[in-house]
Amino acid sequence: MSIKIAKFGGSSLATAEQFKKVAAIVKADPNIRYVVPSAPGKAPEFSKKVTDMLYACADAYNTPKCDEIFDEIEERYYAIINGLGLNLDFAPHLETVRKNIKAGYGEHYAASRGEYLNGIILAAYLGFDFIDPADCIAFDENGVLDEALTHAQTKAILVASEYGVVPGFYGSNAKGEIRTFSRGGSDITGAIVARAAAADVYENWTDVSGCLMADPRIVDDPKPISYVTYSELRELAYMGASVLHDEAIFPVRIAGIPINIRNTNDPSHPGTMIIKNLPAKAYERPVTGIAGRKGFTSIQMERSKMNNEVGFARRALQVLEEENISLEHMPTGIDTLSVIVANSQIEGKLPRVLKKLQLACQPDSMEVSHDMALIATVGHGMSRRVGISAALFTALANAGVNVRMIDQGSSELNIIVGVANEDFEVALRAIYAKLVAEGQA
């Protein structure tokens, strides 16, 4: 008997009707041993995500507004319970959560309770054991996941349950305090459980039938992706493709467990398989996907004979480290070096960073470009096809888009271009049209 892990997103568990779809999927496949639920998301009759409401409760914990918001949250959960005809004494759980939020347990605790409460309901509805991730998913004192301890504890706790529900998004630290992943972190929980259970497949159920080659909000009717590698999807997810949290790839990648992105509303669709190596026929498709994000700043430094100067790049990176700024990209030339950082990372720090770079690196000149967007064209097959770069830059030229930055990884897995924020959508559509729709790649 194989083992599957099924993670269901917020849209899949937003209402009683969606719960019924989830239960039908799980009951139809006895190989689904562990289910990882998110908190209830938006639905046609509900304009708010429960997690957003819980964050608002935490912000207003010592005011009457907290009770007002929590009353809405209670209504959401009782609508699910009553819609399922479930005989469940849920009031004590709600009362405990309300009391603790009002007592100032904090943002992490409050935000995690959406998954926690949904997990209790789903476990009761499926007849599965409820497994609290606070008992197995471990964070250190800095709020960073302790991977080794988490794997050992999760593996041990799953042994006691043949079938279980493990809420997503949170765990706890050594003090017993609840800690959460970043938004979308239920995907990470699913991957952790998949690895601990030595699963054959990690199914990630959402409201789309797998991954698409581009954002459908920008490109009309983009093609679906049947197969994608872990590394390709990580590049796409990091650059804005939002089907799967980019950090969810690591636990399953270590164990070589494939991820299957599926649609709760269309369970017969095969979706997208995320695997270690592409099947041979997939290399016929040079481009796997195109994704991007807005909101970057480029600091370009020029210095004569920079290539002969030992330590220039190290000094530049040390400045960023001192300011706690993550580096996105670092394109270089013989006499130039650029650092690309997210606007959010450098906000309020730019004058100080420029001054420190001037002192540390003593460049002949510095130029700052604001409001840049980055677009990544990703695909293992690109290294096997002549003319990809030519087609890409021809498409941008024909669309009247000025390229501010070019960066290509040594693996030839992607080509990243920087363009002005206002050119982002035009550029992405132009690249897609040339490389995918017209079959130029």
Protein backbone atom coordinates (compact mmCIF):
# COMPACT_ATOMS: atom_id res chain seq x y z
CA MET A 1 0.00 0.00 0.00
CA SER A 2 1.42 3.34 -1.02
CA ILE A 3 1.22 6.45 1.15
CA LYS A 4 -0.08 9.81 -0.01
CA ILE A 5 -0.18 13.12 1.81
CA ALA A 6 -2.96 15.50 0.76
CA LYS A 7 -2.73 19.18 1.60
CA PHE A 8 -5.86 21.26 0.95
CA GLY A 9 -5.71 25.04 0.58
CA GLY A 10 -8.01 27.66 2.04
CA SER A 11 -10.34 27.79 -0.97
CA SER A 12 -10.75 24.00 -0.75
CA LEU A 13 -11.97 24.28 2.85
CA ALA A 14 -13.81 27.60 2.83
CA THR A 15 -17.35 26.22 3.17
CA ALA A 16 -19.25 23.08 4.09
CA GLU A 17 -19.73 22.27 0.39
CA GLN A 18 -15.98 22.45 -0.15
CA PHE A 19 -15.43 20.21 2.89
CA LYS A 20 -17.69 17.64 1.24
CA LYS A 21 -15.56 17.72 -1.93
CA VAL A 22 -12.43 17.22 0.15
CA ALA A 23 -13.98 14.29 2.03
CA ALA A 24 -15.03 12.67 -1.27
CA ILE A 25 -11.46 12.94 -2.57
CA VAL A 26 -9.94 11.50 0.62
CA LYS A 27 -12.46 8.68 1.02
CA ALA A 28 -12.06 7.67 -2.64
CA ASP A 29 -8.36 7.00 -2.12
CA PRO A 30 -7.37 4.88 0.91
CA ASN A 31 -3.73 5.66 0.14
CA ILE A 32 -4.30 9.20 1.46
CA ARG A 33 -3.11 8.61 4.99
CA TYR A 34 -2.52 12.14 6.28
CA VAL A 35 -4.36 15.34 5.42
CA VAL A 36 -2.99 18.85 5.95
CA PRO A 37 -5.66 21.58 6.00
CA SER A 38 -5.35 25.33 5.66
CA ALA A 39 -7.69 27.82 7.35
CA PRO A 40 -10.95 28.69 5.57
CA GLY A 41 -10.28 31.05 2.68
CA LYS A 42 -12.50 33.29 0.63
CA ALA A 43 -15.70 32.03 -0.97
CA PRO A 44 -18.48 33.72 -2.97
CA GLU A 45 -20.43 34.23 0.24
CA PHE A 46 -17.38 35.15 2.35
CA SER A 47 -15.14 38.04 1.32
CA LYS A 48 -12.53 37.53 4.04
CA LYS A 49 -9.99 34.84 4.83
CA VAL A 50 -10.21 33.56 8.39
CA THR A 51 -6.45 34.03 8.83
CA ASP A 52 -6.77 37.73 7.97
CA MET A 53 -9.56 38.04 10.52
CA LEU A 54 -7.41 36.35 13.17
CA TYR A 55 -4.54 38.74 12.49
CA ALA A 56 -7.03 41.58 12.99
CA CYS A 57 -8.12 40.01 16.29
CA ALA A 58 -4.52 39.92 17.48
CA ASP A 59 -4.08 43.60 16.58
CA ALA A 60 -7.23 44.51 18.54
CA TYR A 61 -6.80 41.97 21.36
CA ASN A 62 -7.44 44.45 24.19
CA THR A 63 -10.43 46.20 22.60
CA PRO A 64 -14.13 45.37 22.02
CA LYS A 65 -13.26 45.10 18.32
CA CYS A 66 -11.56 41.76 19.02
CA ASP A 67 -14.82 40.19 20.21
CA GLU A 68 -16.67 41.67 17.25
CA ILE A 69 -14.25 40.11 14.77
CA PHE A 70 -14.13 36.80 16.62
CA ASP A 71 -17.93 36.59 16.53
CA GLU A 72 -17.62 36.58 12.72
CA ILE A 73 -15.01 33.85 12.89
CA GLU A 74 -17.30 31.72 15.06
CA GLU A 75 -20.09 32.15 12.52
CA ARG A 76 -17.80 30.89 9.74
CA TYR A 77 -16.93 27.72 11.63
CA TYR A 78 -20.48 27.01 12.77
CA ALA A 79 -21.68 27.46 9.20
CA ILE A 80 -19.25 24.69 8.20
CA ILE A 81 -20.16 22.41 11.12
CA ASN A 82 -23.91 22.84 10.62
CA GLY A 83 -23.60 22.47 6.86
CA LEU A 84 -21.86 19.14 7.39
CA GLY A 85 -24.45 17.97 9.92
CA LEU A 86 -21.55 17.26 12.25
CA ASN A 87 -22.18 16.45 15.91
CA LEU A 88 -19.15 18.21 17.37
CA ASP A 89 -18.80 20.06 20.68
CA PHE A 90 -16.83 22.95 19.23
CA ALA A 91 -17.65 25.68 21.73
CA PRO A 92 -14.81 24.86 24.18
CA HIS A 93 -12.22 25.14 21.39
CA LEU A 94 -13.55 28.52 20.29
CA GLU A 95 -13.76 29.79 23.85
CA THR A 96 -10.14 28.84 24.54
CA VAL A 97 -8.90 30.53 21.38
CA ARG A 98 -10.91 33.69 22.05
CA LYS A 99 -9.67 33.86 25.67
CA ASN A 100 -6.03 33.37 24.70
CA ILE A 101 -6.10 35.95 21.89
CA LYS A 102 -7.69 38.49 24.25
CA ALA A 103 -5.02 37.64 26.83
CA GLY A 104 -2.35 38.79 24.39
CA TYR A 105 -0.91 35.48 23.22
CA GLY A 106 0.22 37.31 20.11
CA GLU A 107 0.12 37.25 16.35
CA HIS A 108 1.64 33.81 15.80
CA TYR A 109 -0.84 32.13 18.12
CA ALA A 110 -3.84 33.98 16.69
CA ALA A 111 -2.93 33.37 13.04
CA SER A 112 -2.33 29.65 13.62
CA ARG A 113 -5.77 29.03 15.08
CA GLY A 114 -7.45 29.11 11.66
CA GLU A 115 -5.68 25.89 10.67
CA TYR A 116 -5.99 24.44 14.17
CA LEU A 117 -9.78 24.86 14.31
CA ASN A 118 -10.28 23.73 10.72
CA GLY A 119 -8.18 20.66 11.49
CA ILE A 120 -10.40 19.70 14.41
CA ILE A 121 -13.49 19.90 12.20
CA LEU A 122 -11.91 18.00 9.31
CA ALA A 123 -10.56 15.24 11.57
CA ALA A 124 -14.02 14.74 13.08
CA TYR A 125 -15.67 14.73 9.64
CA LEU A 126 -13.21 12.23 8.15
CA GLY A 127 -12.95 10.08 11.27
CA PHE A 128 -9.16 10.63 11.35
CA ASP A 129 -6.91 11.31 14.33
CA PHE A 130 -6.16 14.95 15.07
CA ILE A 131 -2.39 15.56 15.25
CA ASP A 132 -1.34 18.94 16.63
CA PRO A 133 1.79 20.17 14.81
CA ALA A 134 2.75 22.07 17.98
CA ASP A 135 3.79 18.64 19.25
CA CYS A 136 6.13 17.84 16.37
CA ILE A 137 7.08 20.83 14.18
CA ALA A 138 9.89 22.62 16.02
CA PHE A 139 11.15 26.18 15.71
CA ASP A 140 14.31 27.47 17.38
CA GLU A 141 14.55 30.58 19.57
CA ASN A 142 14.93 32.75 16.45
CA GLY A 143 11.75 31.44 14.86
CA VAL A 144 13.63 29.31 12.32
CA LEU A 145 12.48 25.78 11.58
CA ASP A 146 14.64 23.13 13.27
CA GLU A 147 14.59 20.66 10.37
CA ALA A 148 16.33 17.73 12.05
CA LEU A 149 14.24 17.85 15.24
CA THR A 150 11.05 18.43 13.25
CA HIS A 151 11.70 15.43 11.02
CA ALA A 152 12.46 13.14 13.97
CA GLN A 153 9.44 14.27 16.01
CA THR A 154 7.01 14.21 13.10
CA LYS A 155 8.17 10.76 12.02
CA ALA A 156 7.66 9.47 15.57
CA ILE A 157 4.21 10.99 16.04
CA LEU A 158 2.86 9.70 12.72
CA VAL A 159 3.66 6.11 13.68
CA ALA A 160 0.86 6.23 16.26
CA SER A 161 -1.81 7.22 13.70
CA GLU A 162 -2.68 5.20 10.61
CA TYR A 163 -4.82 8.08 9.35
CA GLY A 164 -4.46 11.63 10.64
CA VAL A 165 -5.16 15.33 10.10
CA VAL A 166 -2.17 17.63 10.69
CA PRO A 167 -3.07 21.34 10.50
CA GLY A 168 -0.72 23.42 8.40
CA PHE A 169 1.16 26.68 8.93
CA TYR A 170 2.45 26.36 12.50
CA GLY A 171 4.53 24.55 15.12
CA SER A 172 6.09 25.57 18.42
CA ASN A 173 9.42 26.46 20.00
CA ALA A 174 11.16 24.93 23.02
CA LYS A 175 9.12 27.16 25.35
CA GLY A 176 5.88 25.81 23.94
CA GLU A 177 5.07 29.07 22.18
CA ILE A 178 3.26 28.81 18.86
CA ARG A 179 5.29 29.89 15.83
CA THR A 180 4.08 30.16 12.24
CA PHE A 181 5.66 29.94 8.82
CA SER A 182 5.27 32.81 6.38
CA ARG A 183 1.90 33.04 4.60
CA GLY A 184 1.29 29.97 2.49
CA GLY A 185 3.23 27.92 5.00
CA SER A 186 0.70 25.08 5.04
CA ASP A 187 2.48 23.90 1.90
CA ILE A 188 5.64 23.52 3.99
CA THR A 189 3.78 21.52 6.64
CA GLY A 190 2.51 19.18 3.94
CA ALA A 191 6.03 18.64 2.65
CA ILE A 192 7.37 18.00 6.17
CA VAL A 193 4.65 15.39 6.78
CA ALA A 194 5.29 13.79 3.38
CA ARG A 195 8.97 13.37 4.15
CA ALA A 196 8.35 12.06 7.67
CA ALA A 197 5.80 9.54 6.40
CA ALA A 198 8.11 8.43 3.55
CA ALA A 199 5.20 9.19 1.22
CA ASP A 200 5.11 8.05 -2.37
CA VAL A 201 3.33 11.26 -3.45
CA TYR A 202 2.57 14.64 -1.88
CA GLU A 203 -0.72 15.90 -3.32
CA ASN A 204 -1.28 19.63 -3.00
CA TRP A 205 -4.94 20.42 -3.67
CA THR A 206 -5.93 23.95 -4.56
CA ASP A 207 -8.41 25.78 -6.83
CA VAL A 208 -6.41 25.49 -10.08
CA SER A 209 -5.62 22.44 -12.20
CA GLY A 210 -1.88 22.52 -11.69
CA CYS A 211 0.72 25.07 -12.72
CA LEU A 212 0.42 27.34 -15.74
CA MET A 213 3.23 28.65 -17.92
CA ALA A 214 2.42 32.25 -16.97
CA ASP A 215 0.14 34.27 -14.70
CA PRO A 216 -3.40 34.08 -16.16
CA ARG A 217 -4.07 37.57 -14.80
CA ILE A 218 -1.47 38.88 -17.25
CA VAL A 219 -1.41 36.35 -20.10
CA ASP A 220 -4.66 35.14 -21.66
CA ASP A 221 -5.21 31.39 -21.36
CA PRO A 222 -1.59 30.32 -20.64
CA LYS A 223 -0.71 26.71 -21.35
CA PRO A 224 -0.67 24.18 -18.49
CA ILE A 225 2.53 22.53 -17.29
CA SER A 226 2.34 18.72 -17.11
CA TYR A 227 5.80 18.15 -15.64
CA VAL A 228 8.18 20.48 -13.84
CA THR A 229 11.33 19.80 -11.82
CA TYR A 230 11.84 20.87 -8.22
CA SER A 231 14.47 23.39 -9.30
CA GLU A 232 12.31 24.85 -12.07
CA LEU A 233 9.34 25.27 -9.78
CA ARG A 234 11.46 26.85 -7.06
CA GLU A 235 12.66 29.46 -9.56
CA LEU A 236 9.10 30.12 -10.75
CA ALA A 237 7.63 30.20 -7.24
CA TYR A 238 10.35 32.54 -5.99
CA MET A 239 9.70 34.87 -8.92
CA GLY A 240 6.00 35.13 -8.25
CA ALA A 241 4.23 31.97 -9.41
CA SER A 242 1.93 31.39 -6.43
CA VAL A 243 0.65 27.83 -6.77
CA LEU A 244 3.11 26.49 -4.19
CA HIS A 245 5.21 28.07 -1.43
CA ASP A 246 8.80 27.95 -2.72
CA GLU A 247 10.17 26.58 0.60
CA ALA A 248 7.79 23.60 0.43
CA ILE A 249 10.04 22.00 -2.14
CA PHE A 250 13.01 21.33 0.17
CA PRO A 251 11.64 18.58 2.47
CA VAL A 252 10.28 16.48 -0.41
CA ARG A 253 13.27 17.17 -2.64
CA ILE A 254 15.56 15.66 0.01
CA ALA A 255 13.48 12.47 -0.04
CA GLY A 256 12.78 12.48 -3.79
CA ILE A 257 9.01 12.59 -3.25
CA PRO A 258 7.02 13.92 -6.24
CA ILE A 259 4.47 16.68 -5.69
CA ASN A 260 1.17 16.59 -7.58
CA ILE A 261 -0.69 19.91 -7.84
CA ARG A 262 -4.42 19.07 -8.12
CA ASN A 263 -7.74 20.91 -8.31
CA THR A 264 -10.30 20.19 -5.59
CA ASN A 265 -13.07 21.40 -7.91
CA ASP A 266 -11.88 19.18 -10.79
CA PRO A 267 -10.41 16.06 -9.15
CA SER A 268 -10.28 14.08 -12.40
CA HIS A 269 -7.70 16.47 -13.88
CA PRO A 270 -4.15 15.07 -13.54
CA GLY A 271 -2.71 18.49 -12.67
CA THR A 272 1.04 19.11 -12.59
CA MET A 273 3.69 16.64 -11.44
CA ILE A 274 6.75 18.16 -9.74
CA ILE A 275 9.64 15.70 -9.98
CA LYS A 276 13.41 15.47 -9.72
CA ASN A 277 14.15 14.78 -13.40
CA LEU A 278 12.04 15.47 -16.44
CA PRO A 279 10.96 12.62 -18.71
CA ALA A 280 12.87 12.68 -22.03
CA LYS A 281 9.91 13.98 -24.02
CA ALA A 282 9.59 17.03 -21.74
CA TYR A 283 12.94 18.37 -22.97
CA GLU A 284 11.23 19.02 -26.30
CA ARG A 285 9.65 21.96 -24.48
CA PRO A 286 12.54 24.36 -23.85
CA VAL A 287 10.59 26.84 -21.72
CA THR A 288 8.74 25.56 -18.67
CA GLY A 289 7.32 28.84 -17.43
CA ILE A 290 7.65 32.61 -17.19
CA ALA A 291 7.15 34.51 -13.95
CA GLY A 292 8.18 37.76 -12.35
CA ARG A 293 7.80 40.32 -9.60
CA LYS A 294 7.83 44.08 -9.32
CA GLY A 295 9.55 46.26 -6.74
CA PHE A 296 13.32 46.00 -6.93
CA THR A 297 16.19 48.50 -6.64
CA SER A 298 19.50 48.26 -8.49
CA ILE A 299 22.70 49.88 -7.20
CA GLN A 300 25.36 49.88 -9.90
CA MET A 301 28.97 50.69 -9.02
CA GLU A 302 31.69 51.39 -11.57
CA ARG A 303 35.40 51.35 -10.84
CA SER A 304 38.29 51.21 -13.27
CA LYS A 305 40.21 47.91 -13.23
CA MET A 306 37.71 46.40 -10.80
CA ASN A 307 38.50 42.97 -12.20
CA ASN A 308 42.05 43.24 -10.85
CA GLU A 309 40.97 44.31 -7.37
CA VAL A 310 40.70 41.56 -4.78
CA GLY A 311 37.80 41.84 -2.32
CA PHE A 312 35.61 44.41 -4.08
CA ALA A 313 32.52 42.18 -4.20
CA ARG A 314 33.10 40.95 -0.65
CA ARG A 315 33.14 44.51 0.69
CA ALA A 316 29.92 45.34 -1.16
CA LEU A 317 28.18 42.27 0.19
CA GLN A 318 29.44 42.99 3.70
CA VAL A 319 27.63 46.33 3.62
CA LEU A 320 24.38 44.54 2.76
CA GLU A 321 24.97 42.00 5.52
CA GLU A 322 25.58 44.74 8.09
CA GLU A 323 22.28 46.32 7.08
CA ASN A 324 20.46 42.97 7.16
CA ILE A 325 19.56 43.21 3.46
CA SER A 326 19.07 40.08 1.35
CA LEU A 327 20.71 40.06 -2.06
CA GLU A 328 18.54 39.08 -5.03
CA HIS A 329 21.08 39.23 -7.90
CA MET A 330 24.57 40.56 -8.54
CA PRO A 331 25.32 41.07 -12.27
CA THR A 332 28.94 42.03 -12.95
CA GLY A 333 31.17 43.36 -15.73
CA ILE A 334 34.88 44.04 -16.02
CA ASP A 335 34.56 47.41 -14.34
CA THR A 336 31.00 47.26 -12.97
CA LEU A 337 29.11 45.48 -10.24
CA SER A 338 25.40 45.79 -9.51
CA VAL A 339 23.45 44.61 -6.49
CA ILE A 340 19.72 44.01 -6.93
CA VAL A 341 17.60 44.10 -3.77
CA ALA A 342 13.89 44.20 -3.05
CA ASN A 343 12.50 47.67 -2.37
CA SER A 344 11.05 46.36 0.88
CA GLN A 345 14.54 45.33 2.04
CA ILE A 346 16.17 48.68 1.45
CA GLU A 347 13.31 50.99 2.37
CA GLY A 348 14.57 53.66 4.77
CA LYS A 349 18.16 52.40 4.48
CA LEU A 350 19.21 53.57 1.01
CA PRO A 351 21.11 56.79 1.96
CA ARG A 352 23.04 54.93 4.65
CA VAL A 353 23.78 51.98 2.33
CA LEU A 354 25.08 54.28 -0.41
CA LYS A 355 27.33 56.06 2.05
CA LYS A 356 28.73 52.79 3.39
CA LEU A 357 29.27 51.42 -0.13
CA GLN A 358 31.16 54.58 -1.04
CA LEU A 359 33.43 54.21 1.99
CA ALA A 360 33.93 50.46 1.62
CA CYS A 361 34.33 50.17 -2.15
CA GLN A 362 35.30 53.70 -3.26
CA PRO A 363 33.68 53.35 -6.69
CA ASP A 364 34.31 55.94 -9.41
CA SER A 365 30.56 56.32 -9.74
CA MET A 366 27.30 54.88 -8.44
CA GLU A 367 23.89 54.83 -10.07
CA VAL A 368 20.61 53.82 -8.45
CA SER A 369 17.62 52.53 -10.43
CA HIS A 370 14.34 52.32 -8.58
CA ASP A 371 11.10 50.46 -9.31
CA MET A 372 12.54 47.65 -11.37
CA ALA A 373 10.66 44.44 -12.17
CA LEU A 374 12.39 41.10 -12.67
CA ILE A 375 11.11 38.47 -15.10
CA ALA A 376 12.47 34.92 -15.14
CA THR A 377 12.15 32.64 -18.15
CA VAL A 378 12.72 29.15 -16.76
CA GLY A 379 13.32 25.76 -18.34
CA HIS A 380 15.83 22.91 -18.35
CA GLY A 381 15.38 22.59 -22.09
CA MET A 382 16.72 26.06 -22.81
CA SER A 383 20.31 24.86 -22.64
CA ARG A 384 19.58 22.41 -25.46
CA ARG A 385 18.01 24.89 -27.86
CA VAL A 386 19.89 27.50 -29.89
CA GLY A 387 18.36 30.95 -30.13
CA ILE A 388 16.36 31.23 -26.91
CA SER A 389 18.11 34.41 -25.78
CA ALA A 390 17.87 35.93 -29.26
CA ALA A 391 14.14 35.27 -29.43
CA LEU A 392 13.58 36.62 -25.92
CA PHE A 393 15.40 39.90 -26.49
CA THR A 394 13.88 40.32 -29.95
CA ALA A 395 10.45 40.04 -28.35
CA LEU A 396 11.29 42.73 -25.81
CA ALA A 397 12.76 45.02 -28.47
CA ASN A 398 9.72 44.63 -30.68
CA ALA A 399 7.49 45.47 -27.70
CA GLY A 400 9.50 48.64 -27.04
CA VAL A 401 10.74 47.43 -23.65
CA ASN A 402 14.11 48.64 -22.42
CA VAL A 403 16.13 45.95 -20.60
CA ARG A 404 17.91 47.34 -17.55
CA MET A 405 19.55 44.15 -16.32
CA ILE A 406 20.35 40.64 -17.61
CA ASP A 407 21.33 37.69 -15.43
CA GLN A 408 21.62 34.02 -16.32
CA GLY A 409 22.43 31.22 -13.91
CA SER A 410 25.40 28.98 -14.58
CA SER A 411 23.05 25.99 -14.93
CA GLU A 412 21.30 27.72 -17.86
CA LEU A 413 18.04 27.00 -16.07
CA ASN A 414 16.79 30.55 -16.37
CA ILE A 415 17.27 33.95 -17.96
CA ILE A 416 16.33 36.90 -15.77
CA VAL A 417 15.76 40.36 -17.17
CA GLY A 418 15.13 43.58 -15.30
CA VAL A 419 12.68 46.09 -16.75
CA ALA A 420 10.84 49.14 -15.46
CA ASN A 421 7.82 48.36 -13.30
CA GLU A 422 5.52 50.00 -15.84
CA ASP A 423 6.82 47.66 -18.56
CA PHE A 424 6.33 44.49 -16.51
CA GLU A 425 3.05 43.22 -17.96
CA VAL A 426 3.94 44.21 -21.52
CA ALA A 427 7.31 42.47 -21.24
CA LEU A 428 5.91 39.27 -19.76
CA ARG A 429 3.23 39.02 -22.43
CA ALA A 430 5.80 39.67 -25.17
CA ILE A 431 8.13 36.94 -23.90
CA TYR A 432 5.29 34.45 -23.60
CA ALA A 433 3.95 35.25 -27.07
CA LYS A 434 7.35 34.80 -28.70
CA LEU A 435 8.68 31.77 -26.84
CA VAL A 436 5.46 29.85 -26.18
CA ALA A 437 2.45 30.98 -28.20
CA GLU A 438 4.41 31.43 -31.45
CA GLY A 439 6.63 28.44 -30.76
CA GLN A 440 9.83 30.42 -31.33
CA ALA A 441 11.67 28.67 -28.52
